Amino acid sequence: MSSRILVTRSIPESASRLLESVGDVRLCSQSRAMTPAELHEAVHGAEAVVTMLHDRIDGEVLDAAGPSLRVVANVAVGYDNVDVPALDRRGVLLTNTPGVLTDATADLTFGLLLMVTRRLAEGERLIRSGTPWAWNFSFMLGSGLQGKKLGIVGMGQIGRAVARRARAFGMDVVYTARNRVESEVERELDASFLPLSRLLRDSDVVSLHCPLTESTRHLIDGAALSGMKSSAVLLNTSRGAVVDERALARALRDGTIGGAGLDVFENEPAVEPELLELDNVVMVPHLGSATAETRTAMAELAARNVVGVLDGSGPVSPVNG
């Protein structure tokens, strides 16, 4: 009998073909996240599930799947949507998709930074509104990046890629992380390690690239924001809940910090209403990996993980097991 594979959202055809080589694929083609009830029904009897970052995979889902489930292939680097201990207790493998979205997310981070510091979104809105304008020396002045200090929170693959781009823009780089990176990496990036409080105090730009865990949930809260420069810019392309959105809205409104660029939100697709009223924040709808090349590579890597588990050759990028 063919292995049963559930895919919770539409994926590129090349990834579907890989999955079809090892099993019977059920592709859920809706454009929204499945409800818990839909997911519980669809997952029953599956040996493999290809999940997206908004699918909550917990003990109830695993119970609904039953003992046949062997692998959950998450199409994301982060896996805060998955109860890993629950998988471990049932002997189910978890895989993710590291590496393939590094450059796309780093590019998007710098896109947000330029939008905030050069006020590009404001300017675009001005043009579209038909508001009269005329060039002069003080019109819509932003700030440059050369000589400014970028503080990176989380020096994994994406954080390092952002650091490389920052050096090309003439920025100085500091970072904080759970573990200090190797000295050769610090030399390559010309990056200095700082504790978080000092990084927040000294940086002109703070860019978040840490995973969402219990220790990083609301890592950037009111107290952290009050420790930043009043001119500083906060960027978040990691996970929305790393930032307390209400505290951020207050900080932006009151001038505690200068601006923010957000690709992720705590309760996606909902956004803190106060943020929508502010001109000094740029927001885009979780586009960090949104290039055709990157999304295809992510889906194909997830599919190769499933193939490796089902054919016995082993997963490409396992998280547990």
Protein backbone atom coordinates (compact mmCIF):
# COMPACT_ATOMS: atom_id res chain seq x y z
CA MET A 1 0.00 0.00 0.00
CA SER A 2 1.16 3.54 -0.79
CA SER A 3 2.10 5.80 2.08
CA ARG A 4 -0.47 8.48 2.78
CA ILE A 5 0.94 12.03 2.73
CA LEU A 6 -1.04 15.10 3.79
CA VAL A 7 -0.01 18.57 2.57
CA THR A 8 -1.88 21.29 4.44
CA ARG A 9 -1.57 24.04 1.81
CA SER A 10 -0.85 24.34 -1.90
CA ILE A 11 2.83 23.83 -2.78
CA PRO A 12 4.80 24.10 -6.05
CA GLU A 13 4.27 21.26 -8.52
CA SER A 14 7.91 20.19 -8.38
CA ALA A 15 7.55 19.44 -4.66
CA SER A 16 4.27 17.60 -5.21
CA ARG A 17 5.95 15.36 -7.79
CA LEU A 18 8.66 14.45 -5.29
CA LEU A 19 6.03 13.45 -2.74
CA GLU A 20 4.07 11.46 -5.33
CA SER A 21 7.16 9.34 -5.94
CA VAL A 22 6.78 7.77 -2.50
CA GLY A 23 3.10 7.95 -1.65
CA ASP A 24 -0.49 8.97 -2.16
CA VAL A 25 -0.64 12.75 -1.71
CA ARG A 26 -3.65 14.61 -0.38
CA LEU A 27 -3.15 18.28 -1.16
CA CYS A 28 -5.34 20.76 0.71
CA SER A 29 -5.61 23.62 -1.75
CA GLN A 30 -7.38 26.25 0.38
CA SER A 31 -5.67 29.62 0.69
CA ARG A 32 -6.10 29.84 4.47
CA ALA A 33 -4.83 27.85 7.41
CA MET A 34 -6.87 24.75 8.19
CA THR A 35 -9.08 24.91 11.25
CA PRO A 36 -8.19 22.47 14.05
CA ALA A 37 -11.23 20.35 13.17
CA GLU A 38 -10.27 20.24 9.49
CA LEU A 39 -6.70 19.33 10.34
CA HIS A 40 -7.75 16.58 12.76
CA GLU A 41 -9.96 15.01 10.10
CA ALA A 42 -7.46 15.35 7.26
CA VAL A 43 -4.46 13.98 9.15
CA HIS A 44 -6.08 10.68 10.17
CA GLY A 45 -4.03 7.74 8.94
CA ALA A 46 -1.25 9.84 7.40
CA GLU A 47 2.36 8.66 7.51
CA ALA A 48 3.71 12.09 6.66
CA VAL A 49 2.39 15.63 7.02
CA VAL A 50 3.81 18.67 5.26
CA THR A 51 2.89 21.63 7.45
CA MET A 52 3.07 25.40 7.22
CA LEU A 53 4.05 27.84 9.96
CA HIS A 54 0.43 28.61 10.88
CA ASP A 55 -0.50 24.94 11.41
CA ARG A 56 -0.45 24.18 15.13
CA ILE A 57 0.87 20.62 15.50
CA ASP A 58 0.20 19.45 19.05
CA GLY A 59 -0.68 16.27 20.88
CA GLU A 60 -4.31 16.40 19.73
CA VAL A 61 -3.25 16.53 16.08
CA LEU A 62 -0.83 13.66 16.63
CA ASP A 63 -3.54 11.61 18.33
CA ALA A 64 -5.87 12.34 15.42
CA ALA A 65 -3.21 11.14 13.00
CA GLY A 66 -2.75 7.89 14.85
CA PRO A 67 0.23 5.52 15.12
CA SER A 68 0.95 5.56 11.39
CA LEU A 69 2.45 9.07 11.49
CA ARG A 70 6.22 9.04 10.96
CA VAL A 71 7.25 12.56 10.02
CA VAL A 72 6.08 16.18 10.21
CA ALA A 73 7.87 18.25 7.57
CA ASN A 74 7.52 21.92 8.51
CA VAL A 75 7.97 24.35 5.60
CA ALA A 76 9.83 26.95 7.67
CA VAL A 77 13.09 27.36 9.54
CA GLY A 78 11.34 28.01 12.85
CA TYR A 79 9.12 25.36 14.38
CA ASP A 80 7.45 27.19 17.24
CA ASN A 81 4.14 25.95 15.79
CA VAL A 82 5.11 22.36 16.65
CA ASP A 83 5.04 20.68 20.06
CA VAL A 84 8.39 18.93 19.71
CA PRO A 85 8.18 16.98 23.02
CA ALA A 86 4.82 15.59 21.91
CA LEU A 87 6.46 14.32 18.71
CA ASP A 88 9.35 12.88 20.69
CA ARG A 89 6.99 10.94 22.95
CA ARG A 90 5.37 9.34 19.92
CA GLY A 91 8.58 8.70 17.98
CA VAL A 92 7.60 11.11 15.18
CA LEU A 93 10.37 12.94 13.33
CA LEU A 94 10.28 16.69 12.75
CA THR A 95 12.11 18.39 9.88
CA ASN A 96 12.45 22.01 8.83
CA THR A 97 13.81 24.02 5.89
CA PRO A 98 16.98 25.88 6.95
CA GLY A 99 19.37 27.59 4.60
CA VAL A 100 17.20 27.99 1.54
CA LEU A 101 15.47 31.19 2.71
CA THR A 102 18.50 32.92 4.22
CA ASP A 103 19.27 35.38 1.42
CA ALA A 104 15.64 36.20 0.68
CA THR A 105 14.96 37.08 4.31
CA ALA A 106 18.17 39.08 4.65
CA ASP A 107 17.28 41.03 1.50
CA LEU A 108 13.80 41.73 2.86
CA THR A 109 15.33 42.94 6.15
CA PHE A 110 17.36 45.53 4.31
CA GLY A 111 14.37 46.46 2.19
CA LEU A 112 12.46 47.27 5.37
CA LEU A 113 15.41 49.21 6.75
CA LEU A 114 15.63 51.39 3.65
CA MET A 115 11.87 51.91 3.63
CA VAL A 116 12.00 53.19 7.21
CA THR A 117 15.19 55.24 7.13
CA ARG A 118 14.51 56.83 3.72
CA ARG A 119 10.75 57.16 4.37
CA LEU A 120 9.95 55.35 1.13
CA ALA A 121 6.51 54.12 2.21
CA GLU A 122 5.52 57.63 3.30
CA GLY A 123 6.69 59.02 -0.02
CA GLU A 124 4.81 56.39 -1.99
CA ARG A 125 1.61 57.11 -0.06
CA LEU A 126 2.08 60.82 -0.69
CA ILE A 127 2.34 60.32 -4.45
CA ARG A 128 -0.66 57.98 -4.60
CA SER A 129 -2.81 60.32 -2.52
CA GLY A 130 -2.39 63.12 -5.04
CA THR A 131 -1.14 65.49 -2.36
CA PRO A 132 0.74 68.44 -3.90
CA TRP A 133 4.47 68.42 -3.21
CA ALA A 134 7.60 70.24 -4.28
CA TRP A 135 11.29 69.43 -3.81
CA ASN A 136 13.23 71.47 -1.28
CA PHE A 137 16.24 70.90 0.98
CA SER A 138 14.18 69.79 3.99
CA PHE A 139 11.50 67.80 2.15
CA MET A 140 10.98 64.29 3.62
CA LEU A 141 14.48 64.00 5.01
CA GLY A 142 15.48 60.53 6.14
CA SER A 143 18.76 59.21 7.49
CA GLY A 144 21.71 57.43 5.94
CA LEU A 145 23.21 54.10 7.01
CA GLN A 146 26.94 54.73 6.58
CA GLY A 147 28.71 54.76 9.92
CA LYS A 148 25.59 53.69 11.83
CA LYS A 149 25.63 50.74 14.22
CA LEU A 150 23.51 47.67 13.47
CA GLY A 151 22.69 45.42 16.42
CA ILE A 152 21.72 41.88 15.44
CA VAL A 153 19.78 39.76 17.93
CA GLY A 154 20.43 36.14 16.95
CA MET A 155 23.51 35.36 14.86
CA GLY A 156 22.33 32.33 12.91
CA GLN A 157 22.45 32.03 9.14
CA ILE A 158 20.01 34.89 8.52
CA GLY A 159 21.66 37.16 11.10
CA ARG A 160 25.04 36.57 9.47
CA ALA A 161 23.63 37.31 6.01
CA VAL A 162 22.19 40.58 7.32
CA ALA A 163 25.59 41.42 8.84
CA ARG A 164 27.28 40.93 5.46
CA ARG A 165 24.81 43.29 3.82
CA ALA A 166 25.30 45.81 6.59
CA ARG A 167 29.05 45.84 6.02
CA ALA A 168 28.43 46.56 2.33
CA PHE A 169 26.36 49.58 3.40
CA GLY A 170 29.20 50.85 5.58
CA MET A 171 27.56 49.97 8.89
CA ASP A 172 29.29 48.78 12.06
CA VAL A 173 27.96 45.45 13.35
CA VAL A 174 27.41 44.25 16.90
CA TYR A 175 25.42 41.21 17.91
CA THR A 176 24.01 39.25 20.79
CA ALA A 177 23.08 35.59 20.84
CA ARG A 178 22.54 32.72 23.23
CA ASN A 179 26.01 31.50 22.32
CA ARG A 180 28.85 33.62 21.01
CA VAL A 181 29.82 32.69 17.44
CA GLU A 182 33.26 31.42 16.47
CA SER A 183 36.08 33.96 16.41
CA GLU A 184 36.62 33.44 12.68
CA VAL A 185 32.98 34.38 12.03
CA GLU A 186 33.38 37.53 14.12
CA ARG A 187 36.48 38.42 12.10
CA GLU A 188 34.77 37.76 8.76
CA LEU A 189 31.81 39.95 9.69
CA ASP A 190 33.89 42.43 11.72
CA ALA A 191 31.21 41.96 14.39
CA SER A 192 31.51 42.44 18.14
CA PHE A 193 29.54 40.60 20.80
CA LEU A 194 27.51 42.62 23.31
CA PRO A 195 24.97 41.69 25.97
CA LEU A 196 21.42 42.55 24.93
CA SER A 197 21.03 45.61 27.17
CA ARG A 198 24.23 47.19 25.82
CA LEU A 199 23.32 46.33 22.24
CA LEU A 200 19.92 48.00 22.62
CA ARG A 201 21.53 51.07 24.18
CA ASP A 202 24.26 51.50 21.55
CA SER A 203 22.62 50.48 18.28
CA ASP A 204 21.09 52.78 15.68
CA VAL A 205 19.27 49.80 14.18
CA VAL A 206 18.21 46.63 16.01
CA SER A 207 17.36 43.65 13.80
CA LEU A 208 15.73 40.54 15.28
CA HIS A 209 16.74 37.10 13.97
CA CYS A 210 16.17 34.84 16.97
CA PRO A 211 13.77 31.88 17.18
CA LEU A 212 10.55 32.18 19.16
CA THR A 213 10.92 30.35 22.45
CA GLU A 214 9.58 30.94 25.93
CA SER A 215 12.72 32.94 26.70
CA THR A 216 12.37 35.16 23.60
CA ARG A 217 8.60 35.74 23.72
CA HIS A 218 8.19 39.51 24.18
CA LEU A 219 11.96 39.81 24.40
CA ILE A 220 11.45 43.33 23.07
CA ASP A 221 8.96 44.75 25.56
CA GLY A 222 8.40 48.21 26.99
CA ALA A 223 11.52 48.03 29.14
CA ALA A 224 13.71 46.94 26.24
CA LEU A 225 12.32 49.67 23.98
CA SER A 226 12.93 52.31 26.64
CA GLY A 227 16.59 51.26 26.66
CA MET A 228 17.03 52.06 22.96
CA LYS A 229 18.04 55.34 21.33
CA SER A 230 15.18 57.71 20.60
CA SER A 231 16.32 57.71 16.96
CA ALA A 232 16.71 53.91 16.72
CA VAL A 233 14.93 51.66 14.24
CA LEU A 234 13.63 48.20 15.19
CA LEU A 235 13.35 45.49 12.50
CA ASN A 236 11.55 42.18 12.98
CA THR A 237 11.69 39.44 10.35
CA SER A 238 11.83 36.57 12.86
CA ARG A 239 8.54 35.85 14.66
CA GLY A 240 5.92 38.37 15.66
CA ALA A 241 5.69 37.39 19.30
CA VAL A 242 9.35 38.27 19.92
CA VAL A 243 8.01 41.85 20.11
CA ASP A 244 5.27 43.16 22.39
CA GLU A 245 3.29 44.93 19.67
CA ARG A 246 1.31 47.13 22.05
CA ALA A 247 4.49 48.30 23.75
CA LEU A 248 6.04 48.93 20.33
CA ALA A 249 3.06 51.01 19.22
CA ARG A 250 3.36 53.15 22.36
CA ALA A 251 7.11 53.56 21.86
CA LEU A 252 6.66 54.66 18.25
CA ARG A 253 3.81 57.01 19.12
CA ASP A 254 5.64 58.61 22.04
CA GLY A 255 9.02 58.94 20.33
CA THR A 256 10.75 56.40 22.56
CA ILE A 257 12.27 55.00 19.36
CA GLY A 258 12.36 56.47 15.90
CA GLY A 259 10.86 53.82 13.65
CA ALA A 260 10.18 50.16 12.95
CA GLY A 261 9.95 47.73 10.05
CA LEU A 262 7.85 44.61 10.58
CA ASP A 263 7.39 41.52 8.42
CA VAL A 264 5.83 39.36 11.14
CA PHE A 265 3.08 39.84 13.71
CA GLU A 266 2.07 38.21 16.94
CA ASN A 267 -1.44 37.21 15.86
CA GLU A 268 -1.12 36.99 12.08
CA PRO A 269 -2.92 38.09 10.03
CA ALA A 270 -4.23 40.50 12.70
CA VAL A 271 -2.08 43.53 13.49
CA GLU A 272 -2.12 45.73 16.60
CA PRO A 273 -4.58 48.50 15.54
CA GLU A 274 -2.43 51.32 16.96
CA LEU A 275 0.40 50.39 14.59
CA LEU A 276 -1.85 51.00 11.60
CA GLU A 277 -2.21 54.66 12.56
CA LEU A 278 1.52 55.43 12.64
CA ASP A 279 3.69 56.74 9.81
CA ASN A 280 6.99 55.73 11.42
CA VAL A 281 6.38 51.99 11.03
CA VAL A 282 6.55 50.01 7.78
CA MET A 283 4.63 46.74 7.69
CA VAL A 284 4.53 43.96 5.08
CA PRO A 285 2.60 40.65 5.23
CA HIS A 286 5.24 38.02 6.13
CA LEU A 287 7.17 38.30 2.88
CA GLY A 288 10.62 37.30 4.15
CA SER A 289 10.82 34.15 2.04
CA ALA A 290 8.46 35.37 -0.67
CA THR A 291 10.42 34.89 -3.84
CA ALA A 292 9.41 32.24 -6.34
CA GLU A 293 12.86 30.65 -6.12
CA THR A 294 12.91 30.55 -2.33
CA ARG A 295 9.38 29.25 -1.77
CA THR A 296 9.99 26.52 -4.35
CA ALA A 297 13.27 25.53 -2.66
CA MET A 298 11.54 25.42 0.73
CA ALA A 299 8.77 23.16 -0.52
CA GLU A 300 11.21 20.89 -2.33
CA LEU A 301 13.38 20.55 0.79
CA ALA A 302 10.33 19.63 2.85
CA ALA A 303 9.38 17.07 0.22
CA ARG A 304 12.90 15.59 0.19
CA ASN A 305 12.66 15.24 3.96
CA VAL A 306 9.45 13.26 3.60
CA VAL A 307 10.92 11.12 0.83
CA GLY A 308 13.99 10.38 2.95
CA VAL A 309 11.91 9.23 5.91
CA LEU A 310 9.49 7.11 3.88
CA ASP A 311 12.10 5.42 1.66
CA GLY A 312 14.48 4.79 4.56
CA SER A 313 17.37 6.96 3.37
CA GLY A 314 16.83 9.48 6.17
CA PRO A 315 15.72 13.10 6.35
CA VAL A 316 17.86 15.91 4.93
CA SER A 317 17.30 18.45 7.71
CA PRO A 318 15.98 16.75 10.87
CA VAL A 319 15.15 18.71 14.01
CA ASN A 320 14.71 15.80 16.44
CA GLY A 321 15.37 12.07 16.51
